[in-house]
């Protein structure tokens, strides 16, 4: 399973959808990047293959970042979930 995370400007919440195959996840990732490159103020609708009925509508101009990661047991085994940044102890 692959997870595509979308981070919005001025919001601490990450929106996530999942795809079953690497090809589908890469295609969605590229679709989001292309929407960002176009610069149009359009709405992007994302659906999740893991949770039936989960649909997200997001204004492309409000997307700050997008990330694709493989969902596996090794990511949580290290104690650190996948993400854009990590907090370290001083």
PDB file of N, CA and C in Angstrom:
ATOM      1  N   UNK A   1       0.850  -1.172   0.000  1.00  0.00           N
ATOM      2  CA  UNK A   1       0.000   0.000   0.000  1.00  0.00           C
ATOM      3  C   UNK A   1       0.896   1.235   0.000  1.00  0.00           C
ATOM      4  N   UNK A   2       0.483   2.252  -0.739  1.00  0.00           N
ATOM      5  CA  UNK A   2       1.231   3.494  -0.846  1.00  0.00           C
ATOM      6  C   UNK A   2       0.367   4.651  -0.368  1.00  0.00           C
ATOM      7  N   UNK A   3       0.975   5.586   0.359  1.00  0.00           N
ATOM      8  CA  UNK A   3       0.266   6.722   0.934  1.00  0.00           C
ATOM      9  C   UNK A   3       0.744   7.998   0.250  1.00  0.00           C
ATOM     10  N   UNK A   4      -0.202   8.826  -0.172  1.00  0.00           N
ATOM     11  CA  UNK A   4       0.100  10.144  -0.719  1.00  0.00           C
ATOM     12  C   UNK A   4      -0.405  11.158   0.300  1.00  0.00           C
ATOM     13  N   UNK A   5       0.530  11.930   0.881  1.00  0.00           N
ATOM     14  CA  UNK A   5       0.207  12.940   1.881  1.00  0.00           C
ATOM     15  C   UNK A   5       0.243  14.313   1.231  1.00  0.00           C
ATOM     16  N   UNK A   6      -0.760  15.114   1.523  1.00  0.00           N
ATOM     17  CA  UNK A   6      -0.836  16.482   1.020  1.00  0.00           C
ATOM     18  C   UNK A   6      -0.866  17.408   2.227  1.00  0.00           C
ATOM     19  N   UNK A   7       0.084  18.334   2.287  1.00  0.00           N
ATOM     20  CA  UNK A   7       0.136  19.320   3.359  1.00  0.00           C
ATOM     21  C   UNK A   7      -0.368  20.646   2.812  1.00  0.00           C
ATOM     22  N   UNK A   8      -1.231  21.293   3.581  1.00  0.00           N
ATOM     23  CA  UNK A   8      -1.820  22.558   3.159  1.00  0.00           C
ATOM     24  C   UNK A   8      -1.116  23.739   3.814  1.00  0.00           C
ATOM     25  N   UNK A   9      -1.126  24.870   3.136  1.00  0.00           N
ATOM     26  CA  UNK A   9      -0.580  26.100   3.695  1.00  0.00           C
ATOM     27  C   UNK A   9      -1.404  26.502   4.912  1.00  0.00           C
ATOM     28  N   UNK A  10      -0.750  27.021   5.926  1.00  0.00           N
ATOM     29  CA  UNK A  10      -1.391  27.550   7.126  1.00  0.00           C
ATOM     30  C   UNK A  10      -2.237  26.516   7.870  1.00  0.00           C
ATOM     31  N   UNK A  11      -1.908  25.231   7.722  1.00  0.00           N
ATOM     32  CA  UNK A  11      -2.672  24.191   8.396  1.00  0.00           C
ATOM     33  C   UNK A  11      -1.725  23.087   8.873  1.00  0.00           C
ATOM     34  N   UNK A  12      -1.839  22.682  10.124  1.00  0.00           N
ATOM     35  CA  UNK A  12      -0.974  21.610  10.628  1.00  0.00           C
ATOM     36  C   UNK A  12      -1.454  20.214  10.225  1.00  0.00           C
ATOM     37  N   UNK A  13      -2.604  20.130   9.597  1.00  0.00           N
ATOM     38  CA  UNK A  13      -3.181  18.832   9.250  1.00  0.00           C
ATOM     39  C   UNK A  13      -2.658  18.354   7.895  1.00  0.00           C
ATOM     40  N   UNK A  14      -2.292  17.068   7.829  1.00  0.00           N
ATOM     41  CA  UNK A  14      -1.892  16.444   6.574  1.00  0.00           C
ATOM     42  C   UNK A  14      -3.046  15.598   6.067  1.00  0.00           C
ATOM     43  N   UNK A  15      -3.416  15.785   4.812  1.00  0.00           N
ATOM     44  CA  UNK A  15      -4.460  14.979   4.182  1.00  0.00           C
ATOM     45  C   UNK A  15      -3.791  13.793   3.507  1.00  0.00           C
ATOM     46  N   UNK A  16      -4.367  12.602   3.664  1.00  0.00           N
ATOM     47  CA  UNK A  16      -3.751  11.392   3.110  1.00  0.00           C
ATOM     48  C   UNK A  16      -4.765  10.551   2.355  1.00  0.00           C
ATOM     49  N   UNK A  17      -4.316   9.998   1.236  1.00  0.00           N
ATOM     50  CA  UNK A  17      -5.074   8.980   0.513  1.00  0.00           C
ATOM     51  C   UNK A  17      -4.112   7.843   0.192  1.00  0.00           C
ATOM     52  N   UNK A  18      -4.665   6.666  -0.069  1.00  0.00           N
ATOM     53  CA  UNK A  18      -3.826   5.503  -0.315  1.00  0.00           C
ATOM     54  C   UNK A  18      -4.115   4.888  -1.682  1.00  0.00           C
ATOM     55  N   UNK A  19      -3.071   4.298  -2.250  1.00  0.00           N
ATOM     56  CA  UNK A  19      -3.171   3.561  -3.500  1.00  0.00           C
ATOM     57  C   UNK A  19      -2.563   2.182  -3.298  1.00  0.00           C
ATOM     58  N   UNK A  20      -3.110   1.188  -3.993  1.00  0.00           N
ATOM     59  CA  UNK A  20      -2.668  -0.199  -3.817  1.00  0.00           C
ATOM     60  C   UNK A  20      -1.366  -0.498  -4.538  1.00  0.00           C
ATOM     61  N   UNK A  21      -1.124   0.152  -5.685  1.00  0.00           N
ATOM     62  CA  UNK A  21       0.080  -0.142  -6.457  1.00  0.00           C
ATOM     63  C   UNK A  21       0.974   1.075  -6.581  1.00  0.00           C
ATOM     64  N   UNK A  22       2.248   0.814  -6.802  1.00  0.00           N
ATOM     65  CA  UNK A  22       3.215   1.900  -6.973  1.00  0.00           C
ATOM     66  C   UNK A  22       2.874   2.742  -8.202  1.00  0.00           C
ATOM     67  N   UNK A  23       2.390   2.095  -9.255  1.00  0.00           N
ATOM     68  CA  UNK A  23       2.054   2.812 -10.486  1.00  0.00           C
ATOM     69  C   UNK A  23       0.903   3.795 -10.255  1.00  0.00           C
ATOM     70  N   UNK A  24      -0.126   3.353  -9.541  1.00  0.00           N
ATOM     71  CA  UNK A  24      -1.261   4.232  -9.246  1.00  0.00           C
ATOM     72  C   UNK A  24      -0.845   5.384  -8.337  1.00  0.00           C
ATOM     73  N   UNK A  25      -0.001   5.089  -7.353  1.00  0.00           N
ATOM     74  CA  UNK A  25       0.472   6.126  -6.431  1.00  0.00           C
ATOM     75  C   UNK A  25       1.322   7.152  -7.166  1.00  0.00           C
ATOM     76  N   UNK A  26       2.203   6.675  -8.026  1.00  0.00           N
ATOM     77  CA  UNK A  26       3.049   7.589  -8.802  1.00  0.00           C
ATOM     78  C   UNK A  26       2.210   8.445  -9.732  1.00  0.00           C
ATOM     79  N   UNK A  27       1.197   7.860 -10.351  1.00  0.00           N
ATOM     80  CA  UNK A  27       0.323   8.619 -11.249  1.00  0.00           C
ATOM     81  C   UNK A  27      -0.409   9.725 -10.499  1.00  0.00           C
ATOM     82  N   UNK A  28      -0.917   9.428  -9.311  1.00  0.00           N
ATOM     83  CA  UNK A  28      -1.603  10.438  -8.513  1.00  0.00           C
ATOM     84  C   UNK A  28      -0.633  11.520  -8.060  1.00  0.00           C
ATOM     85  N   UNK A  29       0.544  11.123  -7.621  1.00  0.00           N
ATOM     86  CA  UNK A  29       1.583  12.077  -7.213  1.00  0.00           C
ATOM     87  C   UNK A  29       1.903  13.033  -8.361  1.00  0.00           C
ATOM     88  N   UNK A  30       2.084  12.477  -9.551  1.00  0.00           N
ATOM     89  CA  UNK A  30       2.382  13.303 -10.728  1.00  0.00           C
ATOM     90  C   UNK A  30       1.213  14.217 -11.089  1.00  0.00           C
ATOM     91  N   UNK A  31      -0.014  13.729 -10.909  1.00  0.00           N
ATOM     92  CA  UNK A  31      -1.207  14.540 -11.182  1.00  0.00           C
ATOM     93  C   UNK A  31      -1.245  15.751 -10.252  1.00  0.00           C
ATOM     94  N   UNK A  32      -0.918  15.538  -8.983  1.00  0.00           N
ATOM     95  CA  UNK A  32      -0.912  16.638  -8.022  1.00  0.00           C
ATOM     96  C   UNK A  32       0.201  17.625  -8.365  1.00  0.00           C
ATOM     97  N   UNK A  33       1.390  17.117  -8.695  1.00  0.00           N
ATOM     98  CA  UNK A  33       2.488  18.006  -9.071  1.00  0.00           C
ATOM     99  C   UNK A  33       2.140  18.826 -10.312  1.00  0.00           C
ATOM    100  N   UNK A  34       1.523  18.209 -11.290  1.00  0.00           N
ATOM    101  CA  UNK A  34       1.134  18.922 -12.512  1.00  0.00           C
ATOM    102  C   UNK A  34       0.110  20.004 -12.209  1.00  0.00           C
ATOM    103  N   UNK A  35      -0.823  19.714 -11.313  1.00  0.00           N
ATOM    104  CA  UNK A  35      -1.808  20.724 -10.918  1.00  0.00           C
ATOM    105  C   UNK A  35      -1.107  21.902 -10.238  1.00  0.00           C
ATOM    106  N   UNK A  36      -0.098  21.619  -9.423  1.00  0.00           N
ATOM    107  CA  UNK A  36       0.659  22.685  -8.762  1.00  0.00           C
ATOM    108  C   UNK A  36       1.435  23.517  -9.782  1.00  0.00           C
ATOM    109  N   UNK A  37       2.030  22.856 -10.763  1.00  0.00           N
ATOM    110  CA  UNK A  37       2.812  23.564 -11.787  1.00  0.00           C
ATOM    111  C   UNK A  37       1.949  24.448 -12.676  1.00  0.00           C
ATOM    112  N   UNK A  38       0.705  24.044 -12.891  1.00  0.00           N
ATOM    113  CA  UNK A  38      -0.168  24.795 -13.788  1.00  0.00           C
ATOM    114  C   UNK A  38      -0.498  26.172 -13.233  1.00  0.00           C
ATOM    115  N   UNK A  39      -0.528  26.311 -11.911  1.00  0.00           N
ATOM    116  CA  UNK A  39      -0.798  27.600 -11.299  1.00  0.00           C
ATOM    117  C   UNK A  39      -2.254  28.020 -11.338  1.00  0.00           C
ATOM    118  N   UNK A  40      -3.125  27.168 -11.837  1.00  0.00           N
ATOM    119  CA  UNK A  40      -4.549  27.496 -11.881  1.00  0.00           C
ATOM    120  C   UNK A  40      -5.189  27.308 -10.512  1.00  0.00           C
ATOM    121  N   UNK A  41      -6.133  28.163 -10.197  1.00  0.00           N
ATOM    122  CA  UNK A  41      -6.874  28.036  -8.930  1.00  0.00           C
ATOM    123  C   UNK A  41      -8.013  27.045  -9.149  1.00  0.00           C
ATOM    124  N   UNK A  42      -7.660  25.787  -9.148  1.00  0.00           N
ATOM    125  CA  UNK A  42      -8.628  24.735  -9.409  1.00  0.00           C
ATOM    126  C   UNK A  42      -8.753  23.825  -8.191  1.00  0.00           C
ATOM    127  N   UNK A  43      -9.801  23.059  -8.158  1.00  0.00           N
ATOM    128  CA  UNK A  43     -10.012  22.102  -7.078  1.00  0.00           C
ATOM    129  C   UNK A  43      -9.598  20.720  -7.561  1.00  0.00           C
ATOM    130  N   UNK A  44      -8.902  20.007  -6.711  1.00  0.00           N
ATOM    131  CA  UNK A  44      -8.456  18.653  -7.010  1.00  0.00           C
ATOM    132  C   UNK A  44      -9.207  17.713  -6.090  1.00  0.00           C
ATOM    133  N   UNK A  45      -9.852  16.700  -6.656  1.00  0.00           N
ATOM    134  CA  UNK A  45     -10.591  15.729  -5.857  1.00  0.00           C
ATOM    135  C   UNK A  45      -9.793  14.435  -5.791  1.00  0.00           C
ATOM    136  N   UNK A  46      -9.524  13.980  -4.571  1.00  0.00           N
ATOM    137  CA  UNK A  46      -8.743  12.768  -4.349  1.00  0.00           C
ATOM    138  C   UNK A  46      -9.608  11.729  -3.657  1.00  0.00           C
ATOM    139  N   UNK A  47      -9.498  10.483  -4.080  1.00  0.00           N
ATOM    140  CA  UNK A  47     -10.219   9.389  -3.433  1.00  0.00           C
ATOM    141  C   UNK A  47      -9.202   8.397  -2.873  1.00  0.00           C
ATOM    142  N   UNK A  48      -9.631   7.635  -1.896  1.00  0.00           N
ATOM    143  CA  UNK A  48      -8.761   6.678  -1.221  1.00  0.00           C
ATOM    144  C   UNK A  48      -9.174   5.258  -1.597  1.00  0.00           C
ATOM    145  N   UNK A  49      -8.199   4.431  -1.961  1.00  0.00           N
ATOM    146  CA  UNK A  49      -8.492   3.039  -2.300  1.00  0.00           C
ATOM    147  C   UNK A  49      -8.598   2.160  -1.055  1.00  0.00           C
ATOM    148  N   UNK A  50      -8.040   2.600   0.060  1.00  0.00           N
ATOM    149  CA  UNK A  50      -8.084   1.813   1.291  1.00  0.00           C
ATOM    150  C   UNK A  50      -9.421   1.979   2.008  1.00  0.00           C
ATOM    151  N   UNK A  51      -9.915   3.205   2.099  1.00  0.00           N
ATOM    152  CA  UNK A  51     -11.170   3.484   2.795  1.00  0.00           C
ATOM    153  C   UNK A  51     -12.230   3.868   1.764  1.00  0.00           C
ATOM    154  N   UNK A  52     -13.128   2.956   1.509  1.00  0.00           N
ATOM    155  CA  UNK A  52     -14.190   3.218   0.527  1.00  0.00           C
ATOM    156  C   UNK A  52     -15.018   4.412   0.981  1.00  0.00           C
ATOM    157  N   UNK A  53     -15.287   5.305   0.058  1.00  0.00           N
ATOM    158  CA  UNK A  53     -16.100   6.465   0.366  1.00  0.00           C
ATOM    159  C   UNK A  53     -15.312   7.675   0.853  1.00  0.00           C
ATOM    160  N   UNK A  54     -14.006   7.514   1.094  1.00  0.00           N
ATOM    161  CA  UNK A  54     -13.194   8.646   1.528  1.00  0.00           C
ATOM    162  C   UNK A  54     -12.806   9.466   0.304  1.00  0.00           C
ATOM    163  N   UNK A  55     -13.269  10.710   0.268  1.00  0.00           N
ATOM    164  CA  UNK A  55     -12.972  11.620  -0.829  1.00  0.00           C
ATOM    165  C   UNK A  55     -12.550  12.958  -0.240  1.00  0.00           C
ATOM    166  N   UNK A  56     -11.512  13.549  -0.816  1.00  0.00           N
ATOM    167  CA  UNK A  56     -10.995  14.839  -0.352  1.00  0.00           C
ATOM    168  C   UNK A  56     -11.009  15.807  -1.530  1.00  0.00           C
ATOM    169  N   UNK A  57     -11.555  16.986  -1.310  1.00  0.00           N
ATOM    170  CA  UNK A  57     -11.488  18.060  -2.294  1.00  0.00           C
ATOM    171  C   UNK A  57     -10.593  19.146  -1.739  1.00  0.00           C
ATOM    172  N   UNK A  58      -9.590  19.555  -2.504  1.00  0.00           N
ATOM    173  CA  UNK A  58      -8.632  20.544  -2.019  1.00  0.00           C
ATOM    174  C   UNK A  58      -8.359  21.582  -3.112  1.00  0.00           C
ATOM    175  N   UNK A  59      -8.261  22.830  -2.705  1.00  0.00           N
ATOM    176  CA  UNK A  59      -7.924  23.915  -3.618  1.00  0.00           C
ATOM    177  C   UNK A  59      -6.427  23.832  -3.897  1.00  0.00           C
ATOM    178  N   UNK A  60      -6.050  23.663  -5.145  1.00  0.00           N
ATOM    179  CA  UNK A  60      -4.653  23.438  -5.516  1.00  0.00           C
ATOM    180  C   UNK A  60      -3.752  24.567  -5.024  1.00  0.00           C
ATOM    181  N   UNK A  61      -4.224  25.792  -5.057  1.00  0.00           N
ATOM    182  CA  UNK A  61      -3.391  26.927  -4.637  1.00  0.00           C
ATOM    183  C   UNK A  61      -3.068  26.891  -3.146  1.00  0.00           C
ATOM    184  N   UNK A  62      -3.750  26.042  -2.370  1.00  0.00           N
ATOM    185  CA  UNK A  62      -3.499  25.933  -0.930  1.00  0.00           C
ATOM    186  C   UNK A  62      -2.571  24.774  -0.571  1.00  0.00           C
ATOM    187  N   UNK A  63      -2.110  24.015  -1.563  1.00  0.00           N
ATOM    188  CA  UNK A  63      -1.199  22.901  -1.296  1.00  0.00           C
ATOM    189  C   UNK A  63       0.212  23.436  -1.098  1.00  0.00           C
ATOM    190  N   UNK A  64       0.822  23.050   0.019  1.00  0.00           N
ATOM    191  CA  UNK A  64       2.191  23.463   0.319  1.00  0.00           C
ATOM    192  C   UNK A  64       3.199  22.384  -0.091  1.00  0.00           C
ATOM    193  N   UNK A  65       2.811  21.115   0.068  1.00  0.00           N
ATOM    194  CA  UNK A  65       3.728  20.021  -0.233  1.00  0.00           C
ATOM    195  C   UNK A  65       2.951  18.738  -0.477  1.00  0.00           C
ATOM    196  N   UNK A  66       3.587  17.826  -1.222  1.00  0.00           N
ATOM    197  CA  UNK A  66       3.000  16.510  -1.457  1.00  0.00           C
ATOM    198  C   UNK A  66       4.106  15.476  -1.286  1.00  0.00           C
ATOM    199  N   UNK A  67       3.752  14.343  -0.712  1.00  0.00           N
ATOM    200  CA  UNK A  67       4.728  13.282  -0.445  1.00  0.00           C
ATOM    201  C   UNK A  67       4.110  11.929  -0.758  1.00  0.00           C
ATOM    202  N   UNK A  68       4.921  11.037  -1.316  1.00  0.00           N
ATOM    203  CA  UNK A  68       4.479   9.672  -1.559  1.00  0.00           C
ATOM    204  C   UNK A  68       5.406   8.749  -0.783  1.00  0.00           C
ATOM    205  N   UNK A  69       4.829   7.788  -0.054  1.00  0.00           N
ATOM    206  CA  UNK A  69       5.625   6.841   0.723  1.00  0.00           C
ATOM    207  C   UNK A  69       4.946   5.485   0.709  1.00  0.00           C
ATOM    208  N   UNK A  70       5.756   4.444   0.798  1.00  0.00           N
ATOM    209  CA  UNK A  70       5.200   3.096   0.895  1.00  0.00           C
ATOM    210  C   UNK A  70       4.828   2.845   2.347  1.00  0.00           C
ATOM    211  N   UNK A  71       3.605   2.372   2.548  1.00  0.00           N
ATOM    212  CA  UNK A  71       3.127   2.064   3.897  1.00  0.00           C
ATOM    213  C   UNK A  71       3.604   0.660   4.229  1.00  0.00           C
ATOM    214  N   UNK A  72       4.482   0.584   5.231  1.00  0.00           N
ATOM    215  CA  UNK A  72       5.002  -0.725   5.613  1.00  0.00           C
ATOM    216  C   UNK A  72       5.238  -0.747   7.114  1.00  0.00           C
ATOM    217  N   UNK A  73       5.472  -1.928   7.650  1.00  0.00           N
ATOM    218  CA  UNK A  73       5.738  -2.074   9.069  1.00  0.00           C
ATOM    219  C   UNK A  73       7.086  -1.505   9.475  1.00  0.00           C
ATOM    220  N   UNK A  74       8.015  -1.334   8.532  1.00  0.00           N
ATOM    221  CA  UNK A  74       9.350  -0.847   8.876  1.00  0.00           C
ATOM    222  C   UNK A  74       9.348   0.624   9.231  1.00  0.00           C
ATOM    223  N   UNK A  75       8.419   1.389   8.705  1.00  0.00           N
ATOM    224  CA  UNK A  75       8.383   2.830   9.005  1.00  0.00           C
ATOM    225  C   UNK A  75       8.050   3.080  10.465  1.00  0.00           C
ATOM    226  N   UNK A  76       7.128   2.294  11.003  1.00  0.00           N
ATOM    227  CA  UNK A  76       6.764   2.497  12.405  1.00  0.00           C
ATOM    228  C   UNK A  76       7.675   1.717  13.337  1.00  0.00           C
ATOM    229  N   UNK A  77       8.373   0.712  12.837  1.00  0.00           N
ATOM    230  CA  UNK A  77       9.288  -0.059  13.676  1.00  0.00           C
ATOM    231  C   UNK A  77      10.447   0.806  14.158  1.00  0.00           C
ATOM    232  N   UNK A  78      10.824   1.802  13.363  1.00  0.00           N
ATOM    233  CA  UNK A  78      11.908   2.690  13.760  1.00  0.00           C
ATOM    234  C   UNK A  78      11.453   3.712  14.785  1.00  0.00           C
ATOM    235  N   UNK A  79      10.135   3.776  15.021  1.00  0.00           N
ATOM    236  CA  UNK A  79       9.613   4.747  15.975  1.00  0.00           C
ATOM    237  C   UNK A  79       9.333   6.097  15.354  1.00  0.00           C
ATOM    238  N   UNK A  80       9.626   6.233  14.077  1.00  0.00           N
ATOM    239  CA  UNK A  80       9.409   7.502  13.393  1.00  0.00           C
ATOM    240  C   UNK A  80       8.481   7.280  12.212  1.00  0.00           C
ATOM    241  N   UNK A  81       7.307   7.882  12.230  1.00  0.00           N
ATOM    242  CA  UNK A  81       6.414   7.768  11.084  1.00  0.00           C
ATOM    243  C   UNK A  81       6.958   8.577   9.910  1.00  0.00           C
ATOM    244  N   UNK A  82       6.630   8.209   8.663  1.00  0.00           N
ATOM    245  CA  UNK A  82       7.088   8.995   7.532  1.00  0.00           C
ATOM    246  C   UNK A  82       6.473  10.384   7.600  1.00  0.00           C
ATOM    247  N   UNK A  83       7.211  11.380   7.140  1.00  0.00           N
ATOM    248  CA  UNK A  83       6.699  12.746   7.161  1.00  0.00           C
ATOM    249  C   UNK A  83       7.671  13.704   6.523  1.00  0.00           C
ATOM    250  N   UNK A  84       7.324  14.969   6.568  1.00  0.00           N
ATOM    251  CA  UNK A  84       8.141  15.995   5.929  1.00  0.00           C
ATOM    252  C   UNK A  84       9.289  16.456   6.807  1.00  0.00           C
ATOM    253  N   UNK A  85       9.129  16.354   8.094  1.00  0.00           N
ATOM    254  CA  UNK A  85      10.178  16.785   9.004  1.00  0.00           C
ATOM    255  C   UNK A  85      10.065  16.007  10.302  1.00  0.00           C
ATOM    256  N   UNK A  86      11.117  16.045  11.081  1.00  0.00           N
ATOM    257  CA  UNK A  86      11.114  15.319  12.356  1.00  0.00           C
ATOM    258  C   UNK A  86      11.627  16.247  13.450  1.00  0.00           C
ATOM    259  N   UNK A  87      11.084  16.085  14.628  1.00  0.00           N
ATOM    260  CA  UNK A  87      11.531  16.850  15.769  1.00  0.00           C
ATOM    261  C   UNK A  87      12.650  16.061  16.448  1.00  0.00           C
ATOM    262  N   UNK A  88      13.705  16.738  16.860  1.00  0.00           N
ATOM    263  CA  UNK A  88      14.781  16.037  17.560  1.00  0.00           C
ATOM    264  C   UNK A  88      14.886  16.568  18.976  1.00  0.00           C
ATOM    265  N   UNK A  89      15.363  15.711  19.851  1.00  0.00           N
ATOM    266  CA  UNK A  89      15.544  16.114  21.245  1.00  0.00           C
ATOM    267  C   UNK A  89      16.889  16.800  21.398  1.00  0.00           C
ATOM    268  N   UNK A  90      16.951  17.837  22.225  1.00  0.00           N
ATOM    269  CA  UNK A  90      18.211  18.565  22.440  1.00  0.00           C
ATOM    270  C   UNK A  90      18.845  18.146  23.735  1.00  0.00           C
TER     271      UNK A  90
END
